[in-house]
Amino acid sequence: MEKIKVVQLRSSIKRIKSQKRTLEALGLRGIGKEVIHNSSPSILGMIKKVEHLVSVVKV
């Protein structure tokens, strides 16, 4: 399965609770933090929900 690197670029302050929880579920806890995930439909759906806060790169 393909790996993707997700980097948080913008803050979760003043965001709705579901977006904050989605960032936490992805493992992102602050600006500049990055995590690597498998490219599964559930992960891609979570990224789509917070795409304005993160950057995604194929690894």
Protein backbone atom coordinates (compact mmCIF):
# COMPACT_ATOMS: atom_id res chain seq x y z
CA MET A 1 0.00 0.00 0.00
CA GLU A 2 1.22 3.49 -0.85
CA LYS A 3 2.54 5.70 1.96
CA ILE A 4 1.72 9.38 2.33
CA LYS A 5 3.25 12.04 4.57
CA VAL A 6 0.81 14.51 6.14
CA VAL A 7 2.16 17.81 7.52
CA GLN A 8 0.07 20.28 9.52
CA LEU A 9 0.53 23.77 8.08
CA ARG A 10 -2.15 25.81 9.85
CA SER A 11 -3.47 25.99 13.39
CA SER A 12 -6.60 24.27 14.66
CA ILE A 13 -7.52 27.29 16.78
CA LYS A 14 -10.95 28.71 15.84
CA ARG A 15 -11.84 25.54 13.89
CA ILE A 16 -14.94 23.46 14.47
CA LYS A 17 -14.62 20.57 16.91
CA SER A 18 -14.89 17.88 14.24
CA GLN A 19 -11.87 19.30 12.40
CA LYS A 20 -9.85 19.43 15.63
CA ARG A 21 -10.74 15.80 16.35
CA THR A 22 -9.83 14.79 12.79
CA LEU A 23 -6.36 16.34 13.17
CA GLU A 24 -5.89 14.47 16.45
CA ALA A 25 -7.06 11.22 14.84
CA LEU A 26 -4.45 11.72 12.13
CA GLY A 27 -1.80 12.13 14.84
CA LEU A 28 -1.18 15.83 14.23
CA ARG A 29 -0.80 17.94 17.36
CA GLY A 30 0.66 21.21 16.12
CA ILE A 31 1.97 23.26 13.25
CA GLY A 32 4.98 21.66 11.58
CA LYS A 33 4.24 18.16 12.90
CA GLU A 34 4.25 15.38 10.33
CA VAL A 35 3.06 11.79 10.27
CA ILE A 36 3.22 8.97 7.73
CA HIS A 37 0.12 6.90 6.97
CA ASN A 38 -0.92 4.23 4.49
CA SER A 39 -3.07 5.63 1.71
CA SER A 40 -6.38 4.02 2.69
CA PRO A 41 -9.86 5.35 1.92
CA SER A 42 -10.49 6.25 5.58
CA ILE A 43 -7.24 8.24 5.88
CA LEU A 44 -7.88 10.00 2.56
CA GLY A 45 -11.38 10.94 3.75
CA MET A 46 -9.98 12.46 6.94
CA ILE A 47 -7.40 14.40 4.93
CA LYS A 48 -10.15 15.70 2.62
CA LYS A 49 -12.00 17.06 5.67
CA VAL A 50 -8.99 19.14 6.81
CA GLU A 51 -7.23 19.71 3.49
CA HIS A 52 -7.08 23.47 4.12
CA LEU A 53 -4.94 22.84 7.24
CA VAL A 54 -2.51 20.19 5.97
CA SER A 55 -0.15 19.32 3.15
CA VAL A 56 0.12 15.81 1.68
CA VAL A 57 3.16 14.31 -0.08
CA LYS A 58 3.64 10.78 -1.44
CA VAL A 59 6.54 8.97 0.19
